[in-house]
Amino acid sequence: MTTKQKQVKQFVAERAKYICETCGTYTGENGCIAHLISQSKVNRKLYGNEVIDSSLNQKWTCITNACNDFWNIGMNPAKCKELVDKIKAKS
Protein backbone atom coordinates (compact mmCIF):
# COMPACT_ATOMS: atom_id res chain seq x y z
CA MET A 1 0.00 0.00 0.00
CA THR A 2 1.41 3.37 -1.01
CA THR A 3 1.61 6.36 1.30
CA LYS A 4 -1.20 8.05 -0.63
CA GLN A 5 -3.40 4.95 -0.33
CA LYS A 6 -2.74 4.87 3.43
CA GLN A 7 -3.72 8.53 3.68
CA VAL A 8 -6.95 7.93 1.77
CA LYS A 9 -7.75 4.92 3.98
CA GLN A 10 -7.25 7.08 7.07
CA PHE A 11 -9.43 9.82 5.56
CA VAL A 12 -12.22 7.32 4.75
CA ALA A 13 -12.07 5.82 8.25
CA GLU A 14 -12.22 9.24 9.89
CA ARG A 15 -15.00 10.37 7.53
CA ALA A 16 -17.04 7.39 8.71
CA LYS A 17 -15.98 7.96 12.34
CA TYR A 18 -14.74 4.34 12.33
CA ILE A 19 -18.32 3.07 11.99
CA CYS A 20 -19.16 0.46 9.35
CA GLU A 21 -21.09 2.26 6.62
CA THR A 22 -23.15 -0.88 6.03
CA CYS A 23 -24.21 -2.26 9.41
CA GLY A 24 -23.34 0.61 11.77
CA THR A 25 -20.89 -1.37 13.92
CA TYR A 26 -18.08 0.63 15.50
CA THR A 27 -14.87 -0.90 14.11
CA GLY A 28 -12.11 1.20 15.59
CA GLU A 29 -9.04 0.85 13.41
CA ASN A 30 -9.96 -2.79 12.67
CA GLY A 31 -12.28 -1.88 9.83
CA CYS A 32 -11.46 -2.15 6.17
CA ILE A 33 -11.99 -0.37 2.89
CA ALA A 34 -14.75 -1.48 0.52
CA HIS A 35 -14.19 -0.34 -3.05
CA LEU A 36 -17.37 0.39 -4.99
CA ILE A 37 -15.42 -0.41 -8.16
CA SER A 38 -12.98 -3.14 -7.11
CA GLN A 39 -9.26 -2.55 -7.27
CA SER A 40 -8.55 -5.42 -9.67
CA LYS A 41 -5.84 -5.13 -12.34
CA VAL A 42 -8.53 -5.03 -15.01
CA ASN A 43 -10.35 -2.14 -13.32
CA ARG A 44 -7.11 -0.24 -12.70
CA LYS A 45 -6.34 -0.53 -16.42
CA LEU A 46 -9.91 0.36 -17.44
CA TYR A 47 -10.58 3.26 -15.04
CA GLY A 48 -7.11 4.26 -13.82
CA ASN A 49 -5.58 4.54 -10.37
CA GLU A 50 -7.11 7.99 -9.91
CA VAL A 51 -10.60 6.46 -9.91
CA ILE A 52 -9.84 3.25 -8.02
CA ASP A 53 -7.89 5.02 -5.25
CA SER A 54 -10.33 7.93 -4.90
CA SER A 55 -12.02 8.34 -1.52
CA LEU A 56 -15.30 8.60 -3.44
CA ASN A 57 -14.77 4.98 -4.53
CA GLN A 58 -14.28 3.80 -0.95
CA LYS A 59 -16.47 3.06 2.06
CA TRP A 60 -15.44 2.07 5.57
CA THR A 61 -16.78 -1.32 6.66
CA CYS A 62 -16.33 -3.94 9.33
CA ILE A 63 -14.33 -7.00 8.35
CA THR A 64 -17.28 -9.13 7.23
CA ASN A 65 -17.50 -10.01 3.56
CA ALA A 66 -21.23 -9.23 3.56
CA CYS A 67 -20.67 -5.62 4.58
CA ASN A 68 -17.75 -5.19 2.18
CA ASP A 69 -19.55 -6.83 -0.76
CA PHE A 70 -22.64 -4.68 -0.21
CA TRP A 71 -20.91 -1.71 -1.84
CA ASN A 72 -19.69 -3.48 -5.00
CA ILE A 73 -21.16 -1.79 -8.09
CA GLY A 74 -18.84 -3.49 -10.58
CA MET A 75 -21.64 -5.38 -12.30
CA ASN A 76 -23.69 -2.22 -12.86
CA PRO A 77 -22.14 -0.26 -15.76
CA ALA A 78 -24.47 2.72 -15.30
CA LYS A 79 -23.50 3.15 -11.63
CA CYS A 80 -19.82 2.70 -12.50
CA LYS A 81 -20.01 5.39 -15.18
CA GLU A 82 -21.84 7.75 -12.81
CA LEU A 83 -19.17 7.30 -10.14
CA VAL A 84 -16.27 7.61 -12.60
CA ASP A 85 -17.76 10.83 -14.00
CA LYS A 86 -18.19 12.21 -10.46
CA ILE A 87 -14.59 11.39 -9.55
CA LYS A 88 -13.19 12.87 -12.75
CA ALA A 89 -15.29 16.03 -12.34
CA LYS A 90 -13.86 16.49 -8.84
CA SER A 91 -10.26 16.29 -10.08
PDB file of N, CA and C in Angstrom:
ATOM      1  N   MET A   1       0.847  -1.182   0.000  1.00  0.00           N
ATOM      2  CA  MET A   1       0.000   0.000   0.000  1.00  0.00           C
ATOM      3  C   MET A   1       0.889   1.240   0.000  1.00  0.00           C
ATOM      4  N   THR A   2       0.608   2.147  -0.920  1.00  0.00           N
ATOM      5  CA  THR A   2       1.407   3.371  -1.015  1.00  0.00           C
ATOM      6  C   THR A   2       1.046   4.338   0.107  1.00  0.00           C
ATOM      7  N   THR A   3       1.876   5.336   0.291  1.00  0.00           N
ATOM      8  CA  THR A   3       1.611   6.357   1.304  1.00  0.00           C
ATOM      9  C   THR A   3       0.289   7.066   1.013  1.00  0.00           C
ATOM     10  N   LYS A   4       0.048   7.381  -0.257  1.00  0.00           N
ATOM     11  CA  LYS A   4      -1.200   8.051  -0.633  1.00  0.00           C
ATOM     12  C   LYS A   4      -2.403   7.162  -0.326  1.00  0.00           C
ATOM     13  N   GLN A   5      -2.304   5.871  -0.623  1.00  0.00           N
ATOM     14  CA  GLN A   5      -3.402   4.947  -0.327  1.00  0.00           C
ATOM     15  C   GLN A   5      -3.658   4.862   1.171  1.00  0.00           C
ATOM     16  N   LYS A   6      -2.599   4.882   1.969  1.00  0.00           N
ATOM     17  CA  LYS A   6      -2.743   4.873   3.434  1.00  0.00           C
ATOM     18  C   LYS A   6      -3.447   6.141   3.908  1.00  0.00           C
ATOM     19  N   GLN A   7      -3.088   7.264   3.310  1.00  0.00           N
ATOM     20  CA  GLN A   7      -3.719   8.529   3.684  1.00  0.00           C
ATOM     21  C   GLN A   7      -5.201   8.527   3.330  1.00  0.00           C
ATOM     22  N   VAL A   8      -5.537   7.999   2.175  1.00  0.00           N
ATOM     23  CA  VAL A   8      -6.947   7.932   1.768  1.00  0.00           C
ATOM     24  C   VAL A   8      -7.707   6.994   2.696  1.00  0.00           C
ATOM     25  N   LYS A   9      -7.107   5.859   3.048  1.00  0.00           N
ATOM     26  CA  LYS A   9      -7.754   4.922   3.978  1.00  0.00           C
ATOM     27  C   LYS A   9      -8.040   5.619   5.306  1.00  0.00           C
ATOM     28  N   GLN A  10      -7.067   6.354   5.810  1.00  0.00           N
ATOM     29  CA  GLN A  10      -7.249   7.084   7.075  1.00  0.00           C
ATOM     30  C   GLN A  10      -8.364   8.119   6.932  1.00  0.00           C
ATOM     31  N   PHE A  11      -8.397   8.828   5.809  1.00  0.00           N
ATOM     32  CA  PHE A  11      -9.433   9.819   5.557  1.00  0.00           C
ATOM     33  C   PHE A  11     -10.817   9.161   5.548  1.00  0.00           C
ATOM     34  N   VAL A  12     -10.937   8.027   4.851  1.00  0.00           N
ATOM     35  CA  VAL A  12     -12.222   7.324   4.745  1.00  0.00           C
ATOM     36  C   VAL A  12     -12.672   6.837   6.127  1.00  0.00           C
ATOM     37  N   ALA A  13     -11.741   6.295   6.907  1.00  0.00           N
ATOM     38  CA  ALA A  13     -12.066   5.824   8.255  1.00  0.00           C
ATOM     39  C   ALA A  13     -12.549   6.973   9.138  1.00  0.00           C
ATOM     40  N   GLU A  14     -11.839   8.083   9.081  1.00  0.00           N
ATOM     41  CA  GLU A  14     -12.221   9.244   9.890  1.00  0.00           C
ATOM     42  C   GLU A  14     -13.534   9.848   9.410  1.00  0.00           C
ATOM     43  N   ARG A  15     -13.739   9.873   8.091  1.00  0.00           N
ATOM     44  CA  ARG A  15     -14.996  10.373   7.531  1.00  0.00           C
ATOM     45  C   ARG A  15     -16.175   9.573   8.077  1.00  0.00           C
ATOM     46  N   ALA A  16     -15.977   8.267   8.218  1.00  0.00           N
ATOM     47  CA  ALA A  16     -17.041   7.386   8.713  1.00  0.00           C
ATOM     48  C   ALA A  16     -17.052   7.301  10.241  1.00  0.00           C
ATOM     49  N   LYS A  17     -16.125   7.992  10.880  1.00  0.00           N
ATOM     50  CA  LYS A  17     -15.984   7.956  12.335  1.00  0.00           C
ATOM     51  C   LYS A  17     -15.764   6.528  12.844  1.00  0.00           C
ATOM     52  N   TYR A  18     -15.084   5.727  12.018  1.00  0.00           N
ATOM     53  CA  TYR A  18     -14.745   4.335  12.326  1.00  0.00           C
ATOM     54  C   TYR A  18     -15.984   3.463  12.546  1.00  0.00           C
ATOM     55  N   ILE A  19     -17.069   3.834  11.907  1.00  0.00           N
ATOM     56  CA  ILE A  19     -18.320   3.075  11.994  1.00  0.00           C
ATOM     57  C   ILE A  19     -18.589   2.456  10.625  1.00  0.00           C
ATOM     58  N   CYS A  20     -18.872   1.152  10.601  1.00  0.00           N
ATOM     59  CA  CYS A  20     -19.156   0.461   9.348  1.00  0.00           C
ATOM     60  C   CYS A  20     -20.308   1.165   8.640  1.00  0.00           C
ATOM     61  N   GLU A  21     -20.077   1.537   7.385  1.00  0.00           N
ATOM     62  CA  GLU A  21     -21.086   2.265   6.623  1.00  0.00           C
ATOM     63  C   GLU A  21     -22.190   1.343   6.113  1.00  0.00           C
ATOM     64  N   THR A  22     -22.102   0.059   6.409  1.00  0.00           N
ATOM     65  CA  THR A  22     -23.147  -0.881   6.026  1.00  0.00           C
ATOM     66  C   THR A  22     -24.029  -1.232   7.218  1.00  0.00           C
ATOM     67  N   CYS A  23     -23.417  -1.749   8.287  1.00  0.00           N
ATOM     68  CA  CYS A  23     -24.213  -2.259   9.414  1.00  0.00           C
ATOM     69  C   CYS A  23     -24.214  -1.356  10.633  1.00  0.00           C
ATOM     70  N   GLY A  24     -23.355  -0.333  10.657  1.00  0.00           N
ATOM     71  CA  GLY A  24     -23.340   0.609  11.771  1.00  0.00           C
ATOM     72  C   GLY A  24     -22.499   0.188  12.960  1.00  0.00           C
ATOM     73  N   THR A  25     -21.742  -0.894  12.833  1.00  0.00           N
ATOM     74  CA  THR A  25     -20.889  -1.365  13.920  1.00  0.00           C
ATOM     75  C   THR A  25     -19.656  -0.487  14.039  1.00  0.00           C
ATOM     76  N   TYR A  26     -19.320  -0.105  15.278  1.00  0.00           N
ATOM     77  CA  TYR A  26     -18.075   0.628  15.497  1.00  0.00           C
ATOM     78  C   TYR A  26     -16.923  -0.346  15.296  1.00  0.00           C
ATOM     79  N   THR A  27     -15.971   0.005  14.451  1.00  0.00           N
ATOM     80  CA  THR A  27     -14.868  -0.902  14.111  1.00  0.00           C
ATOM     81  C   THR A  27     -13.550  -0.514  14.742  1.00  0.00           C
ATOM     82  N   GLY A  28     -13.421   0.723  15.205  1.00  0.00           N
ATOM     83  CA  GLY A  28     -12.108   1.203  15.592  1.00  0.00           C
ATOM     84  C   GLY A  28     -11.222   1.154  14.359  1.00  0.00           C
ATOM     85  N   GLU A  29      -9.953   0.916  14.549  1.00  0.00           N
ATOM     86  CA  GLU A  29      -9.035   0.846  13.414  1.00  0.00           C
ATOM     87  C   GLU A  29      -9.037  -0.530  12.758  1.00  0.00           C
ATOM     88  N   ASN A  30      -9.907  -1.438  13.213  1.00  0.00           N
ATOM     89  CA  ASN A  30      -9.963  -2.793  12.674  1.00  0.00           C
ATOM     90  C   ASN A  30     -10.897  -2.926  11.474  1.00  0.00           C
ATOM     91  N   GLY A  31     -11.423  -1.826  10.997  1.00  0.00           N
ATOM     92  CA  GLY A  31     -12.283  -1.879   9.828  1.00  0.00           C
ATOM     93  C   GLY A  31     -11.463  -2.018   8.561  1.00  0.00           C
ATOM     94  N   CYS A  32     -12.156  -2.031   7.443  1.00  0.00           N
ATOM     95  CA  CYS A  32     -11.460  -2.148   6.165  1.00  0.00           C
ATOM     96  C   CYS A  32     -12.153  -1.294   5.109  1.00  0.00           C
ATOM     97  N   ILE A  33     -11.484  -1.159   4.007  1.00  0.00           N
ATOM     98  CA  ILE A  33     -11.994  -0.370   2.894  1.00  0.00           C
ATOM     99  C   ILE A  33     -12.774  -1.263   1.942  1.00  0.00           C
ATOM    100  N   ALA A  34     -13.961  -0.831   1.575  1.00  0.00           N
ATOM    101  CA  ALA A  34     -14.746  -1.475   0.522  1.00  0.00           C
ATOM    102  C   ALA A  34     -14.683  -0.567  -0.692  1.00  0.00           C
ATOM    103  N   HIS A  35     -14.228  -1.110  -1.804  1.00  0.00           N
ATOM    104  CA  HIS A  35     -14.188  -0.341  -3.046  1.00  0.00           C
ATOM    105  C   HIS A  35     -15.495  -0.558  -3.802  1.00  0.00           C
ATOM    106  N   LEU A  36     -16.149   0.514  -4.199  1.00  0.00           N
ATOM    107  CA  LEU A  36     -17.367   0.393  -4.988  1.00  0.00           C
ATOM    108  C   LEU A  36     -17.040  -0.238  -6.333  1.00  0.00           C
ATOM    109  N   ILE A  37     -15.987   0.234  -6.978  1.00  0.00           N
ATOM    110  CA  ILE A  37     -15.419  -0.410  -8.161  1.00  0.00           C
ATOM    111  C   ILE A  37     -14.145  -1.080  -7.657  1.00  0.00           C
ATOM    112  N   SER A  38     -14.091  -2.402  -7.723  1.00  0.00           N
ATOM    113  CA  SER A  38     -12.983  -3.136  -7.110  1.00  0.00           C
ATOM    114  C   SER A  38     -11.631  -2.716  -7.681  1.00  0.00           C
ATOM    115  N   GLN A  39     -10.608  -2.971  -6.888  1.00  0.00           N
ATOM    116  CA  GLN A  39      -9.262  -2.553  -7.267  1.00  0.00           C
ATOM    117  C   GLN A  39      -8.505  -3.653  -8.016  1.00  0.00           C
ATOM    118  N   SER A  40      -9.191  -4.371  -8.874  1.00  0.00           N
ATOM    119  CA  SER A  40      -8.554  -5.419  -9.675  1.00  0.00           C
ATOM    120  C   SER A  40      -7.629  -4.799 -10.733  1.00  0.00           C
ATOM    121  N   LYS A  41      -6.736  -5.605 -11.275  1.00  0.00           N
ATOM    122  CA  LYS A  41      -5.837  -5.134 -12.339  1.00  0.00           C
ATOM    123  C   LYS A  41      -6.638  -4.666 -13.551  1.00  0.00           C
ATOM    124  N   VAL A  42      -7.686  -5.397 -13.866  1.00  0.00           N
ATOM    125  CA  VAL A  42      -8.530  -5.035 -15.011  1.00  0.00           C
ATOM    126  C   VAL A  42      -9.164  -3.657 -14.788  1.00  0.00           C
ATOM    127  N   ASN A  43      -9.716  -3.427 -13.609  1.00  0.00           N
ATOM    128  CA  ASN A  43     -10.348  -2.138 -13.322  1.00  0.00           C
ATOM    129  C   ASN A  43      -9.338  -1.006 -13.256  1.00  0.00           C
ATOM    130  N   ARG A  44      -8.159  -1.281 -12.724  1.00  0.00           N
ATOM    131  CA  ARG A  44      -7.115  -0.241 -12.699  1.00  0.00           C
ATOM    132  C   ARG A  44      -6.735   0.154 -14.119  1.00  0.00           C
ATOM    133  N   LYS A  45      -6.667  -0.830 -15.018  1.00  0.00           N
ATOM    134  CA  LYS A  45      -6.344  -0.534 -16.416  1.00  0.00           C
ATOM    135  C   LYS A  45      -7.494   0.201 -17.094  1.00  0.00           C
ATOM    136  N   LEU A  46      -8.726  -0.220 -16.817  1.00  0.00           N
ATOM    137  CA  LEU A  46      -9.910   0.358 -17.445  1.00  0.00           C
ATOM    138  C   LEU A  46     -10.207   1.773 -16.946  1.00  0.00           C
ATOM    139  N   TYR A  47     -10.175   1.978 -15.629  1.00  0.00           N
ATOM    140  CA  TYR A  47     -10.579   3.259 -15.040  1.00  0.00           C
ATOM    141  C   TYR A  47      -9.417   4.137 -14.594  1.00  0.00           C
ATOM    142  N   GLY A  48      -8.269   3.520 -14.300  1.00  0.00           N
ATOM    143  CA  GLY A  48      -7.108   4.262 -13.822  1.00  0.00           C
ATOM    144  C   GLY A  48      -7.018   4.297 -12.306  1.00  0.00           C
ATOM    145  N   ASN A  49      -5.814   4.480 -11.813  1.00  0.00           N
ATOM    146  CA  ASN A  49      -5.581   4.536 -10.371  1.00  0.00           C
ATOM    147  C   ASN A  49      -6.309   5.699  -9.719  1.00  0.00           C
ATOM    148  N   GLU A  50      -6.433   6.801 -10.444  1.00  0.00           N
ATOM    149  CA  GLU A  50      -7.109   7.990  -9.909  1.00  0.00           C
ATOM    150  C   GLU A  50      -8.527   7.645  -9.455  1.00  0.00           C
ATOM    151  N   VAL A  51      -9.226   6.851 -10.237  1.00  0.00           N
ATOM    152  CA  VAL A  51     -10.603   6.464  -9.907  1.00  0.00           C
ATOM    153  C   VAL A  51     -10.617   5.418  -8.803  1.00  0.00           C
ATOM    154  N   ILE A  52      -9.825   4.368  -8.972  1.00  0.00           N
ATOM    155  CA  ILE A  52      -9.844   3.254  -8.015  1.00  0.00           C
ATOM    156  C   ILE A  52      -9.411   3.702  -6.623  1.00  0.00           C
ATOM    157  N   ASP A  53      -8.418   4.580  -6.543  1.00  0.00           N
ATOM    158  CA  ASP A  53      -7.890   5.021  -5.251  1.00  0.00           C
ATOM    159  C   ASP A  53      -8.608   6.242  -4.676  1.00  0.00           C
ATOM    160  N   SER A  54      -9.595   6.759  -5.379  1.00  0.00           N
ATOM    161  CA  SER A  54     -10.327   7.927  -4.899  1.00  0.00           C
ATOM    162  C   SER A  54     -11.136   7.599  -3.647  1.00  0.00           C
ATOM    163  N   SER A  55     -11.198   8.535  -2.724  1.00  0.00           N
ATOM    164  CA  SER A  55     -12.017   8.338  -1.517  1.00  0.00           C
ATOM    165  C   SER A  55     -13.501   8.203  -1.870  1.00  0.00           C
ATOM    166  N   LEU A  56     -13.903   8.737  -3.015  1.00  0.00           N
ATOM    167  CA  LEU A  56     -15.302   8.598  -3.441  1.00  0.00           C
ATOM    168  C   LEU A  56     -15.623   7.161  -3.855  1.00  0.00           C
ATOM    169  N   ASN A  57     -14.606   6.378  -4.145  1.00  0.00           N
ATOM    170  CA  ASN A  57     -14.774   4.977  -4.531  1.00  0.00           C
ATOM    171  C   ASN A  57     -14.610   4.043  -3.325  1.00  0.00           C
ATOM    172  N   GLN A  58     -14.556   4.603  -2.133  1.00  0.00           N
ATOM    173  CA  GLN A  58     -14.280   3.797  -0.950  1.00  0.00           C
ATOM    174  C   GLN A  58     -15.265   4.072   0.176  1.00  0.00           C
ATOM    175  N   LYS A  59     -15.619   2.991   0.860  1.00  0.00           N
ATOM    176  CA  LYS A  59     -16.472   3.057   2.058  1.00  0.00           C
ATOM    177  C   LYS A  59     -15.746   2.332   3.175  1.00  0.00           C
ATOM    178  N   TRP A  60     -16.026   2.708   4.398  1.00  0.00           N
ATOM    179  CA  TRP A  60     -15.437   2.069   5.573  1.00  0.00           C
ATOM    180  C   TRP A  60     -16.412   1.004   6.054  1.00  0.00           C
ATOM    181  N   THR A  61     -15.905  -0.227   6.214  1.00  0.00           N
ATOM    182  CA  THR A  61     -16.776  -1.317   6.663  1.00  0.00           C
ATOM    183  C   THR A  61     -16.090  -2.144   7.741  1.00  0.00           C
ATOM    184  N   CYS A  62     -16.901  -2.959   8.413  1.00  0.00           N
ATOM    185  CA  CYS A  62     -16.332  -3.943   9.329  1.00  0.00           C
ATOM    186  C   CYS A  62     -15.684  -5.034   8.475  1.00  0.00           C
ATOM    187  N   ILE A  63     -15.119  -6.024   9.096  1.00  0.00           N
ATOM    188  CA  ILE A  63     -14.335  -7.000   8.346  1.00  0.00           C
ATOM    189  C   ILE A  63     -15.170  -8.111   7.705  1.00  0.00           C
ATOM    190  N   THR A  64     -16.468  -8.066   7.837  1.00  0.00           N
ATOM    191  CA  THR A  64     -17.277  -9.126   7.230  1.00  0.00           C
ATOM    192  C   THR A  64     -17.371  -8.953   5.721  1.00  0.00           C
ATOM    193  N   ASN A  65     -17.370 -10.068   5.015  1.00  0.00           N
ATOM    194  CA  ASN A  65     -17.504 -10.014   3.560  1.00  0.00           C
ATOM    195  C   ASN A  65     -18.849  -9.446   3.150  1.00  0.00           C
ATOM    196  N   ALA A  66     -19.894  -9.730   3.915  1.00  0.00           N
ATOM    197  CA  ALA A  66     -21.234  -9.233   3.559  1.00  0.00           C
ATOM    198  C   ALA A  66     -21.262  -7.707   3.536  1.00  0.00           C
ATOM    199  N   CYS A  67     -20.680  -7.078   4.530  1.00  0.00           N
ATOM    200  CA  CYS A  67     -20.669  -5.617   4.578  1.00  0.00           C
ATOM    201  C   CYS A  67     -19.794  -5.041   3.473  1.00  0.00           C
ATOM    202  N   ASN A  68     -18.649  -5.661   3.235  1.00  0.00           N
ATOM    203  CA  ASN A  68     -17.752  -5.189   2.183  1.00  0.00           C
ATOM    204  C   ASN A  68     -18.396  -5.368   0.812  1.00  0.00           C
ATOM    205  N   ASP A  69     -18.953  -6.535   0.554  1.00  0.00           N
ATOM    206  CA  ASP A  69     -19.551  -6.835  -0.757  1.00  0.00           C
ATOM    207  C   ASP A  69     -20.784  -5.990  -1.063  1.00  0.00           C
ATOM    208  N   PHE A  70     -21.436  -5.495  -0.038  1.00  0.00           N
ATOM    209  CA  PHE A  70     -22.644  -4.685  -0.211  1.00  0.00           C
ATOM    210  C   PHE A  70     -22.404  -3.506  -1.140  1.00  0.00           C
ATOM    211  N   TRP A  71     -21.209  -2.937  -1.099  1.00  0.00           N
ATOM    212  CA  TRP A  71     -20.913  -1.710  -1.840  1.00  0.00           C
ATOM    213  C   TRP A  71     -20.447  -1.937  -3.272  1.00  0.00           C
ATOM    214  N   ASN A  72     -20.223  -3.180  -3.676  1.00  0.00           N
ATOM    215  CA  ASN A  72     -19.686  -3.484  -5.002  1.00  0.00           C
ATOM    216  C   ASN A  72     -20.688  -3.121  -6.102  1.00  0.00           C
ATOM    217  N   ILE A  73     -20.297  -2.188  -6.969  1.00  0.00           N
ATOM    218  CA  ILE A  73     -21.161  -1.790  -8.088  1.00  0.00           C
ATOM    219  C   ILE A  73     -20.582  -2.235  -9.430  1.00  0.00           C
ATOM    220  N   GLY A  74     -19.569  -3.088  -9.381  1.00  0.00           N
ATOM    221  CA  GLY A  74     -18.842  -3.492 -10.577  1.00  0.00           C
ATOM    222  C   GLY A  74     -19.687  -4.133 -11.663  1.00  0.00           C
ATOM    223  N   MET A  75     -20.794  -4.727 -11.304  1.00  0.00           N
ATOM    224  CA  MET A  75     -21.645  -5.378 -12.296  1.00  0.00           C
ATOM    225  C   MET A  75     -22.752  -4.456 -12.802  1.00  0.00           C
ATOM    226  N   ASN A  76     -22.691  -3.192 -12.438  1.00  0.00           N
ATOM    227  CA  ASN A  76     -23.693  -2.216 -12.864  1.00  0.00           C
ATOM    228  C   ASN A  76     -22.987  -1.088 -13.636  1.00  0.00           C
ATOM    229  N   PRO A  77     -22.879  -1.246 -14.958  1.00  0.00           N
ATOM    230  CA  PRO A  77     -22.136  -0.258 -15.760  1.00  0.00           C
ATOM    231  C   PRO A  77     -22.641   1.181 -15.605  1.00  0.00           C
ATOM    232  N   ALA A  78     -23.927   1.361 -15.446  1.00  0.00           N
ATOM    233  CA  ALA A  78     -24.468   2.722 -15.304  1.00  0.00           C
ATOM    234  C   ALA A  78     -23.978   3.369 -14.011  1.00  0.00           C
ATOM    235  N   LYS A  79     -23.982   2.613 -12.904  1.00  0.00           N
ATOM    236  CA  LYS A  79     -23.498   3.151 -11.625  1.00  0.00           C
ATOM    237  C   LYS A  79     -21.988   3.402 -11.682  1.00  0.00           C
ATOM    238  N   CYS A  80     -21.265   2.505 -12.349  1.00  0.00           N
ATOM    239  CA  CYS A  80     -19.815   2.705 -12.498  1.00  0.00           C
ATOM    240  C   CYS A  80     -19.533   3.991 -13.260  1.00  0.00           C
ATOM    241  N   LYS A  81     -20.214   4.192 -14.366  1.00  0.00           N
ATOM    242  CA  LYS A  81     -20.015   5.392 -15.179  1.00  0.00           C
ATOM    243  C   LYS A  81     -20.339   6.647 -14.379  1.00  0.00           C
ATOM    244  N   GLU A  82     -21.439   6.607 -13.634  1.00  0.00           N
ATOM    245  CA  GLU A  82     -21.837   7.753 -12.811  1.00  0.00           C
ATOM    246  C   GLU A  82     -20.756   8.087 -11.790  1.00  0.00           C
ATOM    247  N   LEU A  83     -20.212   7.071 -11.123  1.00  0.00           N
ATOM    248  CA  LEU A  83     -19.166   7.300 -10.137  1.00  0.00           C
ATOM    249  C   LEU A  83     -17.880   7.803 -10.788  1.00  0.00           C
ATOM    250  N   VAL A  84     -17.487   7.193 -11.892  1.00  0.00           N
ATOM    251  CA  VAL A  84     -16.273   7.611 -12.595  1.00  0.00           C
ATOM    252  C   VAL A  84     -16.410   9.070 -13.031  1.00  0.00           C
ATOM    253  N   ASP A  85     -17.542   9.435 -13.578  1.00  0.00           N
ATOM    254  CA  ASP A  85     -17.764  10.834 -14.000  1.00  0.00           C
ATOM    255  C   ASP A  85     -17.670  11.782 -12.805  1.00  0.00           C
ATOM    256  N   LYS A  86     -18.225  11.382 -11.674  1.00  0.00           N
ATOM    257  CA  LYS A  86     -18.189  12.214 -10.459  1.00  0.00           C
ATOM    258  C   LYS A  86     -16.747  12.401  -9.982  1.00  0.00           C
ATOM    259  N   ILE A  87     -15.977  11.326  -9.994  1.00  0.00           N
ATOM    260  CA  ILE A  87     -14.588  11.395  -9.551  1.00  0.00           C
ATOM    261  C   ILE A  87     -13.765  12.268 -10.492  1.00  0.00           C
ATOM    262  N   LYS A  88     -13.952  12.089 -11.769  1.00  0.00           N
ATOM    263  CA  LYS A  88     -13.189  12.871 -12.753  1.00  0.00           C
ATOM    264  C   LYS A  88     -13.579  14.344 -12.720  1.00  0.00           C
ATOM    265  N   ALA A  89     -14.842  14.640 -12.440  1.00  0.00           N
ATOM    266  CA  ALA A  89     -15.286  16.034 -12.343  1.00  0.00           C
ATOM    267  C   ALA A  89     -14.675  16.713 -11.109  1.00  0.00           C
ATOM    268  N   LYS A  90     -14.441  15.956 -10.073  1.00  0.00           N
ATOM    269  CA  LYS A  90     -13.863  16.488  -8.837  1.00  0.00           C
ATOM    270  C   LYS A  90     -12.389  16.818  -9.012  1.00  0.00           C
ATOM    271  N   SER A  91     -11.713  16.114  -9.898  1.00  0.00           N
ATOM    272  CA  SER A  91     -10.260  16.289 -10.081  1.00  0.00           C
ATOM    273  C   SER A  91      -9.913  17.611 -10.705  1.00  0.00           C
TER     274      SER A  91
END
